[in-house]
Amino acid sequence: MPIRESAINYERKLAKYVEKFGFFVTRVPASGSRSKEYKPDIIAIRKDKILVIEVKDTNGELYIDSRQVEGLKKIKETTGAVVLICKKRECCTPEDLQKTKRGNYKFISGKNIDEFLE
């Protein structure tokens, strides 16, 4: 299975999983495109919480482009949403990432997504 197809399938699985916790969930079309404005992969809304999720389908080391991280920070600042970067079901906030010498970010560790869904 090509990498992008695998990532899309994982986004769908994660979206369905989040729905089980009472969220209205939508995948954002063209989230991976290189448009001027960054778009996350998933937006989940419930009466008491908004989640914005960037999904990464990898088991190895994860480096994240600074454009994505800055976009997530801007969304959090604008909406007050809980913003997550999820490596499979292990998630962290943009503040938990480690900035690299080249100005991008590295996923160090996270929590199980269930902790953010309650």
Protein backbone atom coordinates (compact mmCIF):
# COMPACT_ATOMS: atom_id res chain seq x y z
CA MET A 1 0.00 0.00 0.00
CA PRO A 2 1.50 3.40 -0.93
CA ILE A 3 2.47 5.58 2.03
CA ARG A 4 -0.16 8.31 1.43
CA GLU A 5 -2.93 5.72 1.10
CA SER A 6 -1.82 4.15 4.38
CA ALA A 7 -1.89 7.57 6.08
CA ILE A 8 -5.39 8.31 4.77
CA ASN A 9 -6.62 4.95 6.03
CA TYR A 10 -5.15 5.66 9.44
CA GLU A 11 -6.78 9.11 9.52
CA ARG A 12 -10.13 7.43 8.83
CA LYS A 13 -9.60 4.87 11.59
CA LEU A 14 -8.60 7.53 14.09
CA ALA A 15 -11.60 9.70 13.12
CA LYS A 16 -13.98 6.78 13.73
CA TYR A 17 -12.29 6.06 17.06
CA VAL A 18 -12.68 9.68 18.24
CA GLU A 19 -16.38 9.62 17.23
CA LYS A 20 -16.94 6.86 19.80
CA PHE A 21 -16.24 9.46 22.51
CA GLY A 22 -19.19 11.63 21.42
CA PHE A 23 -17.39 13.96 19.04
CA PHE A 24 -18.60 15.19 15.67
CA VAL A 25 -15.55 14.44 13.54
CA THR A 26 -14.52 15.57 10.09
CA ARG A 27 -11.41 14.93 8.05
CA VAL A 28 -10.17 18.07 6.36
CA PRO A 29 -9.90 17.76 2.55
CA ALA A 30 -6.48 18.62 1.13
CA SER A 31 -4.93 18.81 4.59
CA GLY A 32 -1.63 17.54 3.18
CA SER A 33 -1.51 20.03 0.33
CA ARG A 34 1.01 22.83 0.18
CA SER A 35 -1.52 25.67 0.18
CA LYS A 36 -0.60 28.94 1.90
CA GLU A 37 -2.81 28.24 4.91
CA TYR A 38 -2.02 25.12 6.93
CA LYS A 39 -4.94 22.71 7.46
CA PRO A 40 -4.99 19.90 10.05
CA ASP A 41 -6.06 16.34 9.26
CA ILE A 42 -9.00 16.03 11.69
CA ILE A 43 -11.30 18.42 13.53
CA ALA A 44 -13.44 16.94 16.32
CA ILE A 45 -16.12 18.90 18.16
CA ARG A 46 -18.16 18.10 21.26
CA LYS A 47 -20.13 20.41 23.57
CA ASP A 48 -17.25 20.67 26.01
CA LYS A 49 -14.21 20.33 23.77
CA ILE A 50 -12.71 20.99 20.35
CA LEU A 51 -9.83 18.86 19.12
CA VAL A 52 -7.62 19.68 16.16
CA ILE A 53 -5.46 16.72 15.18
CA GLU A 54 -2.46 16.30 12.90
CA VAL A 55 -2.10 12.58 12.20
CA LYS A 56 1.22 10.91 11.47
CA ASP A 57 1.20 7.25 10.45
CA THR A 58 4.65 6.11 11.50
CA ASN A 59 6.28 3.86 14.05
CA GLY A 60 9.75 5.37 13.66
CA GLU A 61 11.24 8.72 14.59
CA LEU A 62 8.97 11.59 13.72
CA TYR A 63 10.08 15.02 12.53
CA ILE A 64 7.43 17.64 11.80
CA ASP A 65 7.74 20.58 9.44
CA SER A 66 7.79 23.95 11.19
CA ARG A 67 4.93 25.15 8.90
CA GLN A 68 2.63 22.49 10.35
CA VAL A 69 3.59 23.21 13.95
CA GLU A 70 3.21 26.97 13.55
CA GLY A 71 -0.17 26.39 11.87
CA LEU A 72 -1.31 24.24 14.79
CA LYS A 73 -0.17 26.88 17.29
CA LYS A 74 -2.10 29.54 15.38
CA ILE A 75 -5.25 27.40 15.40
CA LYS A 76 -4.91 26.88 19.16
CA GLU A 77 -4.38 30.60 19.74
CA THR A 78 -7.37 31.55 17.56
CA THR A 79 -9.88 28.93 18.72
CA GLY A 80 -8.80 27.70 22.15
CA ALA A 81 -8.98 24.13 20.80
CA VAL A 82 -6.91 21.26 22.17
CA VAL A 83 -4.32 20.78 19.43
CA LEU A 84 -2.64 17.40 19.03
CA ILE A 85 0.02 15.74 16.93
CA CYS A 86 -0.70 12.01 16.95
CA LYS A 87 1.82 9.34 16.05
CA LYS A 88 -0.55 6.41 15.77
CA ARG A 89 -2.51 6.73 19.08
CA GLU A 90 0.33 8.42 20.97
CA CYS A 91 -0.34 12.17 21.04
CA CYS A 92 1.30 15.35 22.24
CA THR A 93 0.68 19.07 22.00
CA PRO A 94 2.87 21.36 19.89
CA GLU A 95 4.48 22.62 23.10
CA ASP A 96 5.69 19.08 23.86
CA LEU A 97 7.71 18.87 20.64
CA GLN A 98 11.45 19.49 20.62
CA LYS A 99 12.74 22.13 18.20
CA THR A 100 15.61 20.90 16.02
CA LYS A 101 18.71 22.81 14.92
CA ARG A 102 17.17 23.18 11.45
CA GLY A 103 14.04 24.81 12.85
CA ASN A 104 11.67 21.88 12.51
CA TYR A 105 10.31 19.79 15.38
CA LYS A 106 10.80 16.29 16.75
CA PHE A 107 8.14 14.18 18.45
CA ILE A 108 9.77 12.95 21.67
CA SER A 109 6.93 11.26 23.55
CA GLY A 110 3.23 11.55 24.07
CA LYS A 111 0.21 10.21 25.90
CA ASN A 112 -2.42 7.77 24.73
CA ILE A 113 -5.11 9.66 22.81
CA ASP A 114 -7.74 8.40 25.27
CA GLU A 115 -6.39 10.89 27.84
CA PHE A 116 -7.40 13.77 25.56
CA LEU A 117 -10.84 12.36 24.69
CA GLU A 118 -12.40 12.20 28.16
